[in-house]
Amino acid sequence: MSKAGNAIIAQGTVIYLGREQSIAHNENYTIETDANWVTKRLSIVVDNFPMSDGEGNWFNTDGESINKLKGAIDIDISAILF
């Protein structure tokens, strides 16, 4: 975790097994919050594929918008503290 001005930035990696239990997945994340811990920017890369632009727009592996996630900007990754 680091600070850049008033921003708090957390970066990390989560490695987990998928439903098949034989396929490991790699999730890299960067979370930027303001001084009050309000999420301002999010970047998640799963298996080296970007899924969000950090502005509430989410995309599948074909680059198509995932409308069910549109507007989702507050995140909860169960494997980490954020």
PDB file of N, CA and C in Angstrom:
ATOM      1  N   MET A   1       0.849  -1.151   0.000  1.00  0.00           N
ATOM      2  CA  MET A   1       0.000   0.000   0.000  1.00  0.00           C
ATOM      3  C   MET A   1       0.903   1.224   0.000  1.00  0.00           C
ATOM      4  N   SER A   2       0.447   2.271  -0.709  1.00  0.00           N
ATOM      5  CA  SER A   2       1.234   3.497  -0.779  1.00  0.00           C
ATOM      6  C   SER A   2       0.295   4.701  -0.853  1.00  0.00           C
ATOM      7  N   LYS A   3       0.874   5.872  -0.691  1.00  0.00           N
ATOM      8  CA  LYS A   3       0.113   7.116  -0.817  1.00  0.00           C
ATOM      9  C   LYS A   3       0.694   7.933  -1.957  1.00  0.00           C
ATOM     10  N   ALA A   4      -0.191   8.600  -2.677  1.00  0.00           N
ATOM     11  CA  ALA A   4       0.210   9.524  -3.735  1.00  0.00           C
ATOM     12  C   ALA A   4      -0.674  10.748  -3.570  1.00  0.00           C
ATOM     13  N   GLY A   5      -0.168  11.772  -2.925  1.00  0.00           N
ATOM     14  CA  GLY A   5      -0.998  12.921  -2.594  1.00  0.00           C
ATOM     15  C   GLY A   5      -2.037  12.503  -1.574  1.00  0.00           C
ATOM     16  N   ASN A   6      -3.319  12.738  -1.873  1.00  0.00           N
ATOM     17  CA  ASN A   6      -4.396  12.305  -0.985  1.00  0.00           C
ATOM     18  C   ASN A   6      -4.888  10.896  -1.297  1.00  0.00           C
ATOM     19  N   ALA A   7      -4.368  10.284  -2.336  1.00  0.00           N
ATOM     20  CA  ALA A   7      -4.822   8.952  -2.747  1.00  0.00           C
ATOM     21  C   ALA A   7      -4.099   7.857  -1.975  1.00  0.00           C
ATOM     22  N   ILE A   8      -4.829   6.799  -1.688  1.00  0.00           N
ATOM     23  CA  ILE A   8      -4.266   5.589  -1.097  1.00  0.00           C
ATOM     24  C   ILE A   8      -4.356   4.523  -2.174  1.00  0.00           C
ATOM     25  N   ILE A   9      -3.230   3.865  -2.453  1.00  0.00           N
ATOM     26  CA  ILE A   9      -3.169   2.897  -3.543  1.00  0.00           C
ATOM     27  C   ILE A   9      -2.757   1.541  -2.994  1.00  0.00           C
ATOM     28  N   ALA A  10      -3.562   0.532  -3.307  1.00  0.00           N
ATOM     29  CA  ALA A  10      -3.253  -0.842  -2.915  1.00  0.00           C
ATOM     30  C   ALA A  10      -3.130  -1.676  -4.176  1.00  0.00           C
ATOM     31  N   GLN A  11      -2.075  -2.495  -4.233  1.00  0.00           N
ATOM     32  CA  GLN A  11      -1.866  -3.377  -5.371  1.00  0.00           C
ATOM     33  C   GLN A  11      -1.580  -4.773  -4.847  1.00  0.00           C
ATOM     34  N   GLY A  12      -2.025  -5.775  -5.577  1.00  0.00           N
ATOM     35  CA  GLY A  12      -1.740  -7.138  -5.142  1.00  0.00           C
ATOM     36  C   GLY A  12      -2.129  -8.155  -6.185  1.00  0.00           C
ATOM     37  N   THR A  13      -1.912  -9.405  -5.827  1.00  0.00           N
ATOM     38  CA  THR A  13      -2.213 -10.537  -6.691  1.00  0.00           C
ATOM     39  C   THR A  13      -2.911 -11.607  -5.876  1.00  0.00           C
ATOM     40  N   VAL A  14      -3.948 -12.188  -6.451  1.00  0.00           N
ATOM     41  CA  VAL A  14      -4.649 -13.317  -5.851  1.00  0.00           C
ATOM     42  C   VAL A  14      -4.557 -14.463  -6.847  1.00  0.00           C
ATOM     43  N   ILE A  15      -4.114 -15.616  -6.384  1.00  0.00           N
ATOM     44  CA  ILE A  15      -4.072 -16.814  -7.223  1.00  0.00           C
ATOM     45  C   ILE A  15      -5.059 -17.804  -6.608  1.00  0.00           C
ATOM     46  N   TYR A  16      -5.962 -18.328  -7.431  1.00  0.00           N
ATOM     47  CA  TYR A  16      -7.005 -19.215  -6.893  1.00  0.00           C
ATOM     48  C   TYR A  16      -7.335 -20.313  -7.895  1.00  0.00           C
ATOM     49  N   LEU A  17      -7.937 -21.380  -7.401  1.00  0.00           N
ATOM     50  CA  LEU A  17      -8.374 -22.478  -8.244  1.00  0.00           C
ATOM     51  C   LEU A  17      -9.800 -22.235  -8.692  1.00  0.00           C
ATOM     52  N   GLY A  18     -10.061 -22.523  -9.958  1.00  0.00           N
ATOM     53  CA  GLY A  18     -11.408 -22.398 -10.495  1.00  0.00           C
ATOM     54  C   GLY A  18     -12.279 -23.571 -10.079  1.00  0.00           C
ATOM     55  N   ARG A  19     -13.481 -23.588 -10.591  1.00  0.00           N
ATOM     56  CA  ARG A  19     -14.425 -24.664 -10.250  1.00  0.00           C
ATOM     57  C   ARG A  19     -13.881 -26.038 -10.602  1.00  0.00           C
ATOM     58  N   GLU A  20     -13.071 -26.084 -11.652  1.00  0.00           N
ATOM     59  CA  GLU A  20     -12.522 -27.366 -12.089  1.00  0.00           C
ATOM     60  C   GLU A  20     -11.439 -27.869 -11.135  1.00  0.00           C
ATOM     61  N   GLN A  21     -10.959 -27.033 -10.243  1.00  0.00           N
ATOM     62  CA  GLN A  21      -9.932 -27.354  -9.250  1.00  0.00           C
ATOM     63  C   GLN A  21      -8.590 -27.742  -9.860  1.00  0.00           C
ATOM     64  N   SER A  22      -8.492 -27.807 -11.172  1.00  0.00           N
ATOM     65  CA  SER A  22      -7.215 -28.137 -11.799  1.00  0.00           C
ATOM     66  C   SER A  22      -6.678 -26.953 -12.588  1.00  0.00           C
ATOM     67  N   ILE A  23      -7.462 -25.872 -12.641  1.00  0.00           N
ATOM     68  CA  ILE A  23      -7.047 -24.694 -13.392  1.00  0.00           C
ATOM     69  C   ILE A  23      -6.864 -23.535 -12.416  1.00  0.00           C
ATOM     70  N   ALA A  24      -5.638 -23.055 -12.313  1.00  0.00           N
ATOM     71  CA  ALA A  24      -5.351 -21.916 -11.438  1.00  0.00           C
ATOM     72  C   ALA A  24      -5.568 -20.618 -12.213  1.00  0.00           C
ATOM     73  N   HIS A  25      -6.090 -19.615 -11.520  1.00  0.00           N
ATOM     74  CA  HIS A  25      -6.327 -18.310 -12.117  1.00  0.00           C
ATOM     75  C   HIS A  25      -5.484 -17.273 -11.390  1.00  0.00           C
ATOM     76  N   ASN A  26      -5.099 -16.252 -12.110  1.00  0.00           N
ATOM     77  CA  ASN A  26      -4.249 -15.191 -11.599  1.00  0.00           C
ATOM     78  C   ASN A  26      -5.007 -13.878 -11.699  1.00  0.00           C
ATOM     79  N   GLU A  27      -5.194 -13.199 -10.582  1.00  0.00           N
ATOM     80  CA  GLU A  27      -5.936 -11.934 -10.554  1.00  0.00           C
ATOM     81  C   GLU A  27      -5.025 -10.851  -9.974  1.00  0.00           C
ATOM     82  N   ASN A  28      -4.714  -9.843 -10.770  1.00  0.00           N
ATOM     83  CA  ASN A  28      -3.921  -8.704 -10.304  1.00  0.00           C
ATOM     84  C   ASN A  28      -4.848  -7.509 -10.165  1.00  0.00           C
ATOM     85  N   TYR A  29      -4.689  -6.769  -9.093  1.00  0.00           N
ATOM     86  CA  TYR A  29      -5.590  -5.634  -8.878  1.00  0.00           C
ATOM     87  C   TYR A  29      -4.813  -4.404  -8.404  1.00  0.00           C
ATOM     88  N   THR A  30      -5.372  -3.254  -8.719  1.00  0.00           N
ATOM     89  CA  THR A  30      -4.925  -1.967  -8.191  1.00  0.00           C
ATOM     90  C   THR A  30      -6.175  -1.213  -7.787  1.00  0.00           C
ATOM     91  N   ILE A  31      -6.210  -0.768  -6.544  1.00  0.00           N
ATOM     92  CA  ILE A  31      -7.342  -0.013  -6.014  1.00  0.00           C
ATOM     93  C   ILE A  31      -6.822   1.339  -5.561  1.00  0.00           C
ATOM     94  N   GLU A  32      -7.476   2.396  -6.001  1.00  0.00           N
ATOM     95  CA  GLU A  32      -7.125   3.749  -5.560  1.00  0.00           C
ATOM     96  C   GLU A  32      -8.321   4.349  -4.844  1.00  0.00           C
ATOM     97  N   THR A  33      -8.102   4.814  -3.619  1.00  0.00           N
ATOM     98  CA  THR A  33      -9.160   5.464  -2.849  1.00  0.00           C
ATOM     99  C   THR A  33      -8.716   6.879  -2.499  1.00  0.00           C
ATOM    100  N   ASP A  34      -9.688   7.679  -2.063  1.00  0.00           N
ATOM    101  CA  ASP A  34      -9.315   8.996  -1.551  1.00  0.00           C
ATOM    102  C   ASP A  34      -8.973   8.853  -0.063  1.00  0.00           C
ATOM    103  N   ALA A  35      -8.701   9.954   0.608  1.00  0.00           N
ATOM    104  CA  ALA A  35      -8.299   9.919   2.008  1.00  0.00           C
ATOM    105  C   ALA A  35      -9.394   9.363   2.919  1.00  0.00           C
ATOM    106  N   ASN A  36     -10.658   9.356   2.443  1.00  0.00           N
ATOM    107  CA  ASN A  36     -11.780   8.821   3.215  1.00  0.00           C
ATOM    108  C   ASN A  36     -12.109   7.377   2.842  1.00  0.00           C
ATOM    109  N   TRP A  37     -11.231   6.723   2.087  1.00  0.00           N
ATOM    110  CA  TRP A  37     -11.369   5.332   1.658  1.00  0.00           C
ATOM    111  C   TRP A  37     -12.516   5.125   0.661  1.00  0.00           C
ATOM    112  N   VAL A  38     -12.905   6.171  -0.053  1.00  0.00           N
ATOM    113  CA  VAL A  38     -13.904   6.047  -1.111  1.00  0.00           C
ATOM    114  C   VAL A  38     -13.182   5.604  -2.380  1.00  0.00           C
ATOM    115  N   THR A  39     -13.639   4.511  -2.987  1.00  0.00           N
ATOM    116  CA  THR A  39     -12.981   3.986  -4.187  1.00  0.00           C
ATOM    117  C   THR A  39     -13.106   4.972  -5.335  1.00  0.00           C
ATOM    118  N   LYS A  40     -11.968   5.345  -5.906  1.00  0.00           N
ATOM    119  CA  LYS A  40     -11.932   6.283  -7.026  1.00  0.00           C
ATOM    120  C   LYS A  40     -11.547   5.596  -8.331  1.00  0.00           C
ATOM    121  N   ARG A  41     -10.753   4.555  -8.253  1.00  0.00           N
ATOM    122  CA  ARG A  41     -10.287   3.875  -9.464  1.00  0.00           C
ATOM    123  C   ARG A  41     -10.010   2.416  -9.129  1.00  0.00           C
ATOM    124  N   LEU A  42     -10.334   1.551 -10.066  1.00  0.00           N
ATOM    125  CA  LEU A  42     -10.109   0.120  -9.900  1.00  0.00           C
ATOM    126  C   LEU A  42      -9.605  -0.460 -11.205  1.00  0.00           C
ATOM    127  N   SER A  43      -8.602  -1.295 -11.095  1.00  0.00           N
ATOM    128  CA  SER A  43      -8.118  -2.044 -12.245  1.00  0.00           C
ATOM    129  C   SER A  43      -7.984  -3.494 -11.801  1.00  0.00           C
ATOM    130  N   ILE A  44      -8.646  -4.394 -12.514  1.00  0.00           N
ATOM    131  CA  ILE A  44      -8.534  -5.824 -12.240  1.00  0.00           C
ATOM    132  C   ILE A  44      -8.162  -6.505 -13.544  1.00  0.00           C
ATOM    133  N   VAL A  45      -7.147  -7.337 -13.473  1.00  0.00           N
ATOM    134  CA  VAL A  45      -6.740  -8.127 -14.622  1.00  0.00           C
ATOM    135  C   VAL A  45      -6.798  -9.586 -14.184  1.00  0.00           C
ATOM    136  N   VAL A  46      -7.652 -10.362 -14.841  1.00  0.00           N
ATOM    137  CA  VAL A  46      -7.799 -11.777 -14.526  1.00  0.00           C
ATOM    138  C   VAL A  46      -7.216 -12.577 -15.678  1.00  0.00           C
ATOM    139  N   ASP A  47      -6.277 -13.432 -15.353  1.00  0.00           N
ATOM    140  CA  ASP A  47      -5.610 -14.247 -16.375  1.00  0.00           C
ATOM    141  C   ASP A  47      -5.112 -13.383 -17.528  1.00  0.00           C
ATOM    142  N   ASN A  48      -4.562 -12.235 -17.180  1.00  0.00           N
ATOM    143  CA  ASN A  48      -3.994 -11.293 -18.138  1.00  0.00           C
ATOM    144  C   ASN A  48      -5.021 -10.674 -19.075  1.00  0.00           C
ATOM    145  N   PHE A  49      -6.278 -10.627 -18.680  1.00  0.00           N
ATOM    146  CA  PHE A  49      -7.292  -9.972 -19.487  1.00  0.00           C
ATOM    147  C   PHE A  49      -7.948  -8.855 -18.693  1.00  0.00           C
ATOM    148  N   PRO A  50      -7.869  -7.611 -19.165  1.00  0.00           N
ATOM    149  CA  PRO A  50      -8.513  -6.513 -18.440  1.00  0.00           C
ATOM    150  C   PRO A  50     -10.022  -6.630 -18.536  1.00  0.00           C
ATOM    151  N   MET A  51     -10.698  -6.495 -17.396  1.00  0.00           N
ATOM    152  CA  MET A  51     -12.139  -6.657 -17.379  1.00  0.00           C
ATOM    153  C   MET A  51     -12.879  -5.363 -17.074  1.00  0.00           C
ATOM    154  N   SER A  52     -12.200  -4.353 -16.510  1.00  0.00           N
ATOM    155  CA  SER A  52     -12.873  -3.103 -16.174  1.00  0.00           C
ATOM    156  C   SER A  52     -12.004  -1.923 -16.580  1.00  0.00           C
ATOM    157  N   ASP A  53     -12.663  -0.834 -16.942  1.00  0.00           N
ATOM    158  CA  ASP A  53     -11.913   0.383 -17.254  1.00  0.00           C
ATOM    159  C   ASP A  53     -11.815   1.303 -16.039  1.00  0.00           C
ATOM    160  N   GLY A  54     -12.323   0.859 -14.882  1.00  0.00           N
ATOM    161  CA  GLY A  54     -12.247   1.657 -13.670  1.00  0.00           C
ATOM    162  C   GLY A  54     -13.307   2.734 -13.583  1.00  0.00           C
ATOM    163  N   GLU A  55     -14.192   2.805 -14.574  1.00  0.00           N
ATOM    164  CA  GLU A  55     -15.243   3.821 -14.586  1.00  0.00           C
ATOM    165  C   GLU A  55     -16.626   3.190 -14.608  1.00  0.00           C
ATOM    166  N   GLY A  56     -16.707   1.939 -14.145  1.00  0.00           N
ATOM    167  CA  GLY A  56     -17.991   1.262 -14.078  1.00  0.00           C
ATOM    168  C   GLY A  56     -18.372   0.515 -15.338  1.00  0.00           C
ATOM    169  N   ASN A  57     -17.451   0.395 -16.280  1.00  0.00           N
ATOM    170  CA  ASN A  57     -17.691  -0.348 -17.513  1.00  0.00           C
ATOM    171  C   ASN A  57     -16.888  -1.643 -17.463  1.00  0.00           C
ATOM    172  N   TRP A  58     -17.559  -2.771 -17.695  1.00  0.00           N
ATOM    173  CA  TRP A  58     -16.938  -4.087 -17.614  1.00  0.00           C
ATOM    174  C   TRP A  58     -17.079  -4.804 -18.942  1.00  0.00           C
ATOM    175  N   PHE A  59     -16.080  -5.638 -19.282  1.00  0.00           N
ATOM    176  CA  PHE A  59     -16.027  -6.270 -20.590  1.00  0.00           C
ATOM    177  C   PHE A  59     -15.661  -7.743 -20.474  1.00  0.00           C
ATOM    178  N   ASN A  60     -16.212  -8.558 -21.378  1.00  0.00           N
ATOM    179  CA  ASN A  60     -15.861  -9.976 -21.411  1.00  0.00           C
ATOM    180  C   ASN A  60     -14.613 -10.183 -22.265  1.00  0.00           C
ATOM    181  N   THR A  61     -14.253 -11.450 -22.479  1.00  0.00           N
ATOM    182  CA  THR A  61     -13.016 -11.736 -23.212  1.00  0.00           C
ATOM    183  C   THR A  61     -13.075 -11.334 -24.681  1.00  0.00           C
ATOM    184  N   ASP A  62     -14.278 -11.075 -25.200  1.00  0.00           N
ATOM    185  CA  ASP A  62     -14.422 -10.605 -26.578  1.00  0.00           C
ATOM    186  C   ASP A  62     -14.487  -9.083 -26.664  1.00  0.00           C
ATOM    187  N   GLY A  63     -14.336  -8.411 -25.509  1.00  0.00           N
ATOM    188  CA  GLY A  63     -14.398  -6.958 -25.494  1.00  0.00           C
ATOM    189  C   GLY A  63     -15.806  -6.398 -25.464  1.00  0.00           C
ATOM    190  N   GLU A  64     -16.803  -7.282 -25.320  1.00  0.00           N
ATOM    191  CA  GLU A  64     -18.196  -6.844 -25.277  1.00  0.00           C
ATOM    192  C   GLU A  64     -18.561  -6.395 -23.869  1.00  0.00           C
ATOM    193  N   SER A  65     -19.403  -5.394 -23.776  1.00  0.00           N
ATOM    194  CA  SER A  65     -19.827  -4.856 -22.491  1.00  0.00           C
ATOM    195  C   SER A  65     -20.642  -5.884 -21.715  1.00  0.00           C
ATOM    196  N   ILE A  66     -20.401  -5.954 -20.383  1.00  0.00           N
ATOM    197  CA  ILE A  66     -21.183  -6.806 -19.486  1.00  0.00           C
ATOM    198  C   ILE A  66     -22.177  -5.888 -18.781  1.00  0.00           C
ATOM    199  N   ASN A  67     -23.387  -5.814 -19.310  1.00  0.00           N
ATOM    200  CA  ASN A  67     -24.374  -4.861 -18.821  1.00  0.00           C
ATOM    201  C   ASN A  67     -24.779  -5.092 -17.371  1.00  0.00           C
ATOM    202  N   LYS A  68     -24.755  -6.343 -16.889  1.00  0.00           N
ATOM    203  CA  LYS A  68     -25.129  -6.631 -15.505  1.00  0.00           C
ATOM    204  C   LYS A  68     -24.185  -5.956 -14.509  1.00  0.00           C
ATOM    205  N   LEU A  69     -22.964  -5.661 -14.929  1.00  0.00           N
ATOM    206  CA  LEU A  69     -21.988  -5.037 -14.036  1.00  0.00           C
ATOM    207  C   LEU A  69     -21.846  -3.539 -14.270  1.00  0.00           C
ATOM    208  N   LYS A  70     -22.552  -3.000 -15.242  1.00  0.00           N
ATOM    209  CA  LYS A  70     -22.424  -1.581 -15.584  1.00  0.00           C
ATOM    210  C   LYS A  70     -22.690  -0.719 -14.352  1.00  0.00           C
ATOM    211  N   GLY A  71     -21.794   0.192 -14.090  1.00  0.00           N
ATOM    212  CA  GLY A  71     -21.916   1.102 -12.957  1.00  0.00           C
ATOM    213  C   GLY A  71     -21.270   0.590 -11.686  1.00  0.00           C
ATOM    214  N   ALA A  72     -20.836  -0.672 -11.670  1.00  0.00           N
ATOM    215  CA  ALA A  72     -20.208  -1.235 -10.471  1.00  0.00           C
ATOM    216  C   ALA A  72     -18.825  -0.609 -10.285  1.00  0.00           C
ATOM    217  N   ILE A  73     -18.686   0.193  -9.253  1.00  0.00           N
ATOM    218  CA  ILE A  73     -17.399   0.848  -9.005  1.00  0.00           C
ATOM    219  C   ILE A  73     -16.871   0.571  -7.605  1.00  0.00           C
ATOM    220  N   ASP A  74     -17.722   0.093  -6.710  1.00  0.00           N
ATOM    221  CA  ASP A  74     -17.278  -0.263  -5.365  1.00  0.00           C
ATOM    222  C   ASP A  74     -17.064  -1.764  -5.361  1.00  0.00           C
ATOM    223  N   ILE A  75     -15.900  -2.187  -4.979  1.00  0.00           N
ATOM    224  CA  ILE A  75     -15.553  -3.587  -5.139  1.00  0.00           C
ATOM    225  C   ILE A  75     -15.416  -4.281  -3.797  1.00  0.00           C
ATOM    226  N   ASP A  76     -15.545  -5.585  -3.820  1.00  0.00           N
ATOM    227  CA  ASP A  76     -15.328  -6.436  -2.662  1.00  0.00           C
ATOM    228  C   ASP A  76     -14.674  -7.707  -3.148  1.00  0.00           C
ATOM    229  N   ILE A  77     -13.387  -7.818  -2.943  1.00  0.00           N
ATOM    230  CA  ILE A  77     -12.655  -9.023  -3.322  1.00  0.00           C
ATOM    231  C   ILE A  77     -12.479  -9.830  -2.040  1.00  0.00           C
ATOM    232  N   SER A  78     -13.182 -10.936  -1.929  1.00  0.00           N
ATOM    233  CA  SER A  78     -13.246 -11.661  -0.661  1.00  0.00           C
ATOM    234  C   SER A  78     -11.887 -12.148  -0.164  1.00  0.00           C
ATOM    235  N   ALA A  79     -10.926 -12.321  -1.037  1.00  0.00           N
ATOM    236  CA  ALA A  79      -9.625 -12.835  -0.628  1.00  0.00           C
ATOM    237  C   ALA A  79      -8.691 -11.752  -0.060  1.00  0.00           C
ATOM    238  N   ILE A  80      -9.119 -10.482  -0.105  1.00  0.00           N
ATOM    239  CA  ILE A  80      -8.281  -9.399   0.410  1.00  0.00           C
ATOM    240  C   ILE A  80      -9.069  -8.536   1.369  1.00  0.00           C
ATOM    241  N   LEU A  81      -8.417  -7.568   1.963  1.00  0.00           N
ATOM    242  CA  LEU A  81      -9.056  -6.737   2.985  1.00  0.00           C
ATOM    243  C   LEU A  81      -9.905  -5.608   2.444  1.00  0.00           C
ATOM    244  N   PHE A  82      -9.911  -5.348   1.141  1.00  0.00           N
ATOM    245  CA  PHE A  82     -10.653  -4.223   0.586  1.00  0.00           C
ATOM    246  C   PHE A  82     -12.031  -4.625   0.133  1.00  0.00           C
TER     247      PHE A  82
END
